[in-house]
Protein backbone atom coordinates (compact mmCIF):
# COMPACT_ATOMS: atom_id res chain seq x y z
CA UNK A 1 92.66 63.70 85.89
CA UNK A 2 89.62 65.15 87.69
CA UNK A 3 89.28 64.73 91.44
CA UNK A 4 87.08 61.82 92.55
CA UNK A 5 83.39 62.58 92.79
CA UNK A 6 81.97 63.54 96.16
CA UNK A 7 80.22 60.57 97.84
CA UNK A 8 76.86 62.34 97.54
CA UNK A 9 77.36 62.54 93.77
CA UNK A 10 78.08 58.81 93.67
CA UNK A 11 74.81 58.23 95.54
CA UNK A 12 73.04 60.38 92.96
CA UNK A 13 74.51 58.42 90.05
CA UNK A 14 73.40 55.15 91.65
CA UNK A 15 69.87 56.56 92.00
CA UNK A 16 69.88 57.54 88.33
CA UNK A 17 70.99 54.05 87.28
CA UNK A 18 68.36 52.41 89.48
CA UNK A 19 65.65 54.64 88.01
CA UNK A 20 66.59 53.64 84.46
CA UNK A 21 66.94 57.25 83.36
CA UNK A 22 67.58 57.51 79.64
CA UNK A 23 70.43 59.58 78.16
CA UNK A 24 69.19 62.85 76.69
CA UNK A 25 70.60 62.19 73.26
CA UNK A 26 68.30 59.16 72.88
CA UNK A 27 65.09 61.08 73.68
CA UNK A 28 62.58 63.38 72.05
CA UNK A 29 61.95 66.76 73.63
CA UNK A 30 58.63 66.13 75.40
CA UNK A 31 59.63 62.97 77.33
CA UNK A 32 63.01 64.51 78.14
CA UNK A 33 61.25 67.51 79.68
CA UNK A 34 59.01 65.23 81.73
CA UNK A 35 62.03 63.27 82.96
CA UNK A 36 63.78 66.49 83.99
CA UNK A 37 60.75 67.86 85.85
CA UNK A 38 60.16 64.59 87.70
CA UNK A 39 63.77 64.43 88.79
CA UNK A 40 63.61 67.87 90.38
CA UNK A 41 60.86 66.66 92.75
CA UNK A 42 63.28 64.09 94.16
CA UNK A 43 66.50 66.07 94.06
CA UNK A 44 65.52 69.35 95.72
CA UNK A 45 64.95 69.96 99.44
CA UNK A 46 61.68 71.50 100.65
CA UNK A 47 61.52 75.17 99.64
CA UNK A 48 62.63 77.54 102.39
CA UNK A 49 60.26 80.22 103.62
CA UNK A 50 60.73 83.73 102.30
CA UNK A 51 59.01 86.99 103.24
CA UNK A 52 56.96 87.24 100.03
CA UNK A 53 56.42 85.50 96.72
CA UNK A 54 54.62 87.38 93.96
CA UNK A 55 53.73 85.97 90.52
CA UNK A 56 53.85 88.55 87.73
CA UNK A 57 53.90 88.79 83.95
CA UNK A 58 55.73 90.93 81.44
CA UNK A 59 53.63 92.82 78.88
CA UNK A 60 54.65 90.10 76.39
CA UNK A 61 53.15 87.42 78.64
CA UNK A 62 56.41 85.97 80.01
CA UNK A 63 55.93 84.76 83.58
CA UNK A 64 58.02 86.20 86.41
CA UNK A 65 58.23 85.37 90.10
CA UNK A 66 59.45 87.90 92.65
CA UNK A 67 60.92 86.64 95.93
CA UNK A 68 61.64 88.89 98.91
CA UNK A 69 63.93 87.46 101.58
CA UNK A 70 63.15 86.65 105.16
CA UNK A 71 63.71 89.58 107.48
CA UNK A 72 62.77 92.37 105.09
CA UNK A 73 59.87 94.69 105.83
CA UNK A 74 57.04 95.27 103.39
CA UNK A 75 58.24 98.77 102.46
CA UNK A 76 61.95 97.98 102.14
CA UNK A 77 63.53 98.85 98.80
CA UNK A 78 65.90 96.00 97.99
CA UNK A 79 68.68 95.26 95.53
CA UNK A 80 67.50 92.70 92.99
CA UNK A 81 68.96 89.69 91.18
CA UNK A 82 67.19 88.96 87.88
CA UNK A 83 67.57 85.19 87.65
CA UNK A 84 67.51 82.94 84.57
CA UNK A 85 67.01 79.23 85.22
CA UNK A 86 69.10 76.46 83.71
CA UNK A 87 67.94 73.49 81.68
CA UNK A 88 69.76 73.81 78.39
CA UNK A 89 67.28 76.44 77.10
CA UNK A 90 64.94 73.43 76.60
CA UNK A 91 63.95 72.50 80.17
CA UNK A 92 63.06 74.37 83.31
CA UNK A 93 60.58 76.91 84.59
CA UNK A 94 59.77 78.84 87.74
CA UNK A 95 58.91 75.63 89.60
CA UNK A 96 62.11 73.71 88.82
CA UNK A 97 64.27 76.49 90.27
CA UNK A 98 61.99 77.66 93.07
CA UNK A 99 64.25 76.28 95.81
CA UNK A 100 67.36 77.89 94.33
CA UNK A 101 65.67 81.27 93.87
CA UNK A 102 64.30 81.28 97.43
CA UNK A 103 67.65 80.22 98.86
CA UNK A 104 69.54 82.92 96.95
CA UNK A 105 67.10 85.56 98.18
CA UNK A 106 67.58 84.55 101.80
CA UNK A 107 71.35 84.14 101.52
CA UNK A 108 71.84 87.51 99.83
CA UNK A 109 69.18 89.65 101.47
CA UNK A 110 68.20 90.74 97.96
CA UNK A 111 65.01 90.36 96.01
CA UNK A 112 65.17 87.72 93.30
CA UNK A 113 63.12 88.12 90.12
CA UNK A 114 63.00 84.76 88.31
CA UNK A 115 62.19 84.70 84.60
CA UNK A 116 60.35 81.92 82.76
CA UNK A 117 61.72 82.67 79.30
CA UNK A 118 60.48 80.83 76.20
CA UNK A 119 62.07 77.45 75.56
CA UNK A 120 63.65 75.81 72.53
CA UNK A 121 63.13 74.11 70.14
CA UNK A 122 59.78 75.86 69.82
CA UNK A 123 61.54 79.19 70.40
CA UNK A 124 65.21 78.90 69.34
CA UNK A 125 68.03 81.44 69.73
CA UNK A 126 67.74 84.34 70.38
CA UNK A 127 64.27 84.05 71.96
CA UNK A 128 65.57 83.26 75.44
CA UNK A 129 67.91 86.23 75.59
CA UNK A 130 65.22 88.50 74.15
CA UNK A 131 62.84 87.48 76.96
CA UNK A 132 65.49 87.79 79.64
CA UNK A 133 66.50 91.23 78.38
CA UNK A 134 62.86 92.31 78.43
CA UNK A 135 62.63 91.21 82.07
CA UNK A 136 65.74 93.20 83.05
CA UNK A 137 64.46 96.35 81.34
CA UNK A 138 61.04 95.85 82.95
CA UNK A 139 62.59 95.50 86.41
CA UNK A 140 64.46 98.77 86.03
CA UNK A 141 61.48 100.64 84.61
CA UNK A 142 59.07 99.36 87.27
CA UNK A 143 61.39 99.31 90.26
CA UNK A 144 59.14 101.29 92.67
CA UNK A 145 56.17 98.97 92.08
CA UNK A 146 58.42 95.94 92.59
CA UNK A 147 60.02 97.32 95.74
CA UNK A 148 63.50 97.19 94.26
CA UNK A 149 66.32 99.66 93.66
CA UNK A 150 66.90 100.25 89.95
CA UNK A 151 70.49 101.28 90.68
CA UNK A 152 71.23 97.97 92.41
CA UNK A 153 70.47 95.33 89.79
CA UNK A 154 72.34 92.07 89.20
CA UNK A 155 71.92 89.23 86.73
CA UNK A 156 72.54 85.56 87.32
CA UNK A 157 71.67 82.03 86.40
CA UNK A 158 72.81 78.44 86.30
CA UNK A 159 74.05 76.63 83.18
CA UNK A 160 71.97 77.95 80.25
CA UNK A 161 70.79 80.67 82.63
CA UNK A 162 74.42 81.57 83.28
CA UNK A 163 74.84 81.94 79.53
CA UNK A 164 71.92 84.39 79.41
CA UNK A 165 73.28 86.33 82.39
CA UNK A 166 76.72 86.68 80.79
CA UNK A 167 75.14 87.91 77.56
CA UNK A 168 72.97 90.38 79.49
CA UNK A 169 76.05 91.76 81.25
CA UNK A 170 77.63 92.45 77.87
CA UNK A 171 74.41 94.09 76.65
CA UNK A 172 74.30 96.30 79.75
CA UNK A 173 77.92 97.34 79.27
CA UNK A 174 77.07 98.39 75.71
CA UNK A 175 74.00 100.39 76.77
CA UNK A 176 71.36 98.02 75.41
CA UNK A 177 70.16 97.27 78.97
CA UNK A 178 70.16 99.25 82.21
CA UNK A 179 73.44 99.32 84.14
CA UNK A 180 74.20 96.27 86.27
CA UNK A 181 76.18 95.95 89.47
CA UNK A 182 76.98 92.23 89.40
CA UNK A 183 76.81 89.03 87.34
CA UNK A 184 76.43 85.59 88.94
CA UNK A 185 77.47 82.82 86.53
CA UNK A 186 76.84 79.33 87.91
CA UNK A 187 78.57 76.68 85.75
CA UNK A 188 77.68 78.75 82.67
CA UNK A 189 77.62 77.86 78.98
CA UNK A 190 79.99 80.31 77.30
CA UNK A 191 80.95 78.76 73.93
CA UNK A 192 78.60 76.98 71.53
CA UNK A 193 81.51 75.44 69.64
CA UNK A 194 81.95 72.95 72.51
CA UNK A 195 85.61 72.52 71.67
CA UNK A 196 87.12 72.75 75.17
CA UNK A 197 88.92 69.73 76.57
CA UNK A 198 86.27 69.07 79.22
CA UNK A 199 83.78 68.18 76.50
CA UNK A 200 86.13 65.34 75.52
CA UNK A 201 86.65 64.25 79.15
CA UNK A 202 82.99 63.80 80.10
CA UNK A 203 81.30 61.62 77.53
CA UNK A 204 79.37 59.13 79.70
CA UNK A 205 78.20 58.28 83.19
CA UNK A 206 77.05 61.74 84.27
CA UNK A 207 73.68 63.54 84.21
CA UNK A 208 75.19 65.97 81.69
CA UNK A 209 77.65 64.69 79.09
CA UNK A 210 79.14 66.18 75.95
CA UNK A 211 76.46 64.41 73.90
CA UNK A 212 73.79 65.89 76.14
CA UNK A 213 75.19 69.37 75.57
CA UNK A 214 75.10 68.82 71.82
CA UNK A 215 71.45 67.74 72.20
CA UNK A 216 70.66 71.02 73.95
CA UNK A 217 72.64 73.14 71.51
CA UNK A 218 70.99 71.52 68.50
CA UNK A 219 67.60 72.61 69.85
CA UNK A 220 68.53 76.11 70.98
CA UNK A 221 70.99 77.11 68.24
CA UNK A 222 70.49 74.64 65.38
CA UNK A 223 72.15 76.96 62.84
CA UNK A 224 75.92 76.67 63.10
CA UNK A 225 76.22 80.20 61.74
CA UNK A 226 74.85 81.44 65.08
CA UNK A 227 77.47 79.74 67.27
CA UNK A 228 80.15 82.48 66.98
CA UNK A 229 77.58 85.19 67.81
CA UNK A 230 78.49 86.60 71.25
CA UNK A 231 74.78 86.50 72.18
CA UNK A 232 75.06 82.71 71.95
CA UNK A 233 78.75 82.36 72.89
CA UNK A 234 79.76 85.22 75.21
CA UNK A 235 83.30 83.83 75.31
CA UNK A 236 83.52 84.91 71.63
CA UNK A 237 82.84 88.59 72.46
CA UNK A 238 85.61 90.87 71.24
CA UNK A 239 86.17 92.07 74.79
CA UNK A 240 84.65 91.42 78.21
CA UNK A 241 86.13 94.61 79.66
CA UNK A 242 83.68 96.94 81.35
CA UNK A 243 81.13 94.30 82.29
CA UNK A 244 79.82 94.06 85.85
CA UNK A 245 81.90 92.40 88.58
CA UNK A 246 81.37 88.66 88.53
CA UNK A 247 81.06 85.53 90.60
CA UNK A 248 81.78 82.40 88.52
CA UNK A 249 81.19 78.88 89.80
CA UNK A 250 82.62 75.87 87.99
CA UNK A 251 82.53 72.20 88.98
CA UNK A 252 85.03 69.52 88.08
CA UNK A 253 82.79 66.81 86.60
CA UNK A 254 81.14 68.89 83.92
CA UNK A 255 81.63 69.21 80.16
CA UNK A 256 81.22 72.98 80.67
CA UNK A 257 84.04 73.18 83.22
CA UNK A 258 86.82 74.45 80.97
CA UNK A 259 84.79 77.06 79.10
CA UNK A 260 83.57 78.44 82.44
CA UNK A 261 87.13 78.63 83.71
CA UNK A 262 88.23 80.33 80.51
CA UNK A 263 85.48 82.90 80.95
CA UNK A 264 86.55 83.68 84.51
CA UNK A 265 90.18 84.00 83.40
CA UNK A 266 89.25 86.34 80.54
CA UNK A 267 87.20 88.52 82.87
CA UNK A 268 90.23 88.86 85.14
CA UNK A 269 92.68 89.50 82.28
CA UNK A 270 90.40 92.20 80.87
CA UNK A 271 90.06 94.07 84.13
CA UNK A 272 86.73 92.85 85.49
CA UNK A 273 86.69 92.06 89.23
CA UNK A 274 85.88 88.36 89.46
CA UNK A 275 85.67 85.70 92.15
CA UNK A 276 86.02 82.23 90.64
CA UNK A 277 85.06 79.28 92.82
CA UNK A 278 85.97 75.87 91.40
CA UNK A 279 84.63 72.78 93.19
CA UNK A 280 86.56 69.81 91.88
CA UNK A 281 84.43 66.95 93.24
CA UNK A 282 80.93 68.02 92.17
CA UNK A 283 78.97 67.58 88.93
CA UNK A 284 76.91 69.82 86.70
CA UNK A 285 73.49 70.72 88.09
CA UNK A 286 74.49 70.22 91.72
CA UNK A 287 72.81 73.43 92.90
CA UNK A 288 69.39 71.99 92.11
CA UNK A 289 70.19 68.61 93.68
CA UNK A 290 70.59 69.71 97.29
CA UNK A 291 68.41 66.96 98.76
CA UNK A 292 71.05 64.45 97.66
CA UNK A 293 74.20 66.51 96.98
CA UNK A 294 74.42 68.30 100.32
CA UNK A 295 77.48 70.49 99.56
CA UNK A 296 75.26 72.30 97.05
CA UNK A 297 73.54 74.11 99.91
CA UNK A 298 76.85 75.63 101.02
CA UNK A 299 77.58 76.72 97.45
CA UNK A 300 74.22 78.51 97.25
CA UNK A 301 75.12 80.33 100.45
CA UNK A 302 78.51 81.26 98.99
CA UNK A 303 76.90 82.68 95.84
CA UNK A 304 74.37 84.56 97.93
CA UNK A 305 77.11 86.02 100.11
CA UNK A 306 78.99 87.20 97.02
CA UNK A 307 75.81 88.92 95.84
CA UNK A 308 75.20 90.46 99.28
CA UNK A 309 78.71 91.90 99.37
CA UNK A 310 78.54 93.22 95.81
CA UNK A 311 75.27 95.07 96.42
CA UNK A 312 75.89 96.13 100.02
């Protein structure tokens, strides 16, 4: 049995009930996106100050946002985390994860380059990973102009973004992307089959349920033939050996919990240095709910510290 939810999570669930929020699986894409974006305004604390924020675009038109942490000088060359936001490949943008990106920059002392990849269902698999990979290659090729060190690159993201980061780490190992020093996987999606026990445990009463994950998957990867592809399901890769050292966060009340734990365990078995932090009393999405779920702020600091140490 999972540990009881943290009291802040119970407060959050009561707020969701009072607001009459609809389950994802009952909604069309456009109103579901609006519901997600509105919720972030309530759930996130005010954005912390950073030294610099710069809006950029890839040659393809994909929007990027570069954050430089407090305390850095204008000419400092910094390590960089290329960050992919969560939202089931269907929701999210630079604005919904602005607080998290700023906080990770300050906690790590690294630059953070956030990527607003194309969303499904308009742009299904593998559009998101194609965009994210383009951003990583662009960061390495344009490091001097960005004020970053091309030899000190990391990838990371939450949920669907963690999926993209894990895939990018495999691509970098295989030479399809520049070398990476670190991968930060925050309650990641690792297996499109959704057959782990935690999908059966969490079927109602949470912001993300097993039915909600199926709703996301059916928009991002509607063709079942794509599910075993390691670019969709990095847990299905033949080997994880040789990928960058990892920080993996899992939370107890999450249909993705068991596949994230399996990924961390496989990394360790296959010789990849990994720190796995499991927080039994929190729920999926907590890192972007810090105004209500206060332990999330400590977890952001922990992830940032892991990044700082890896790129020191």
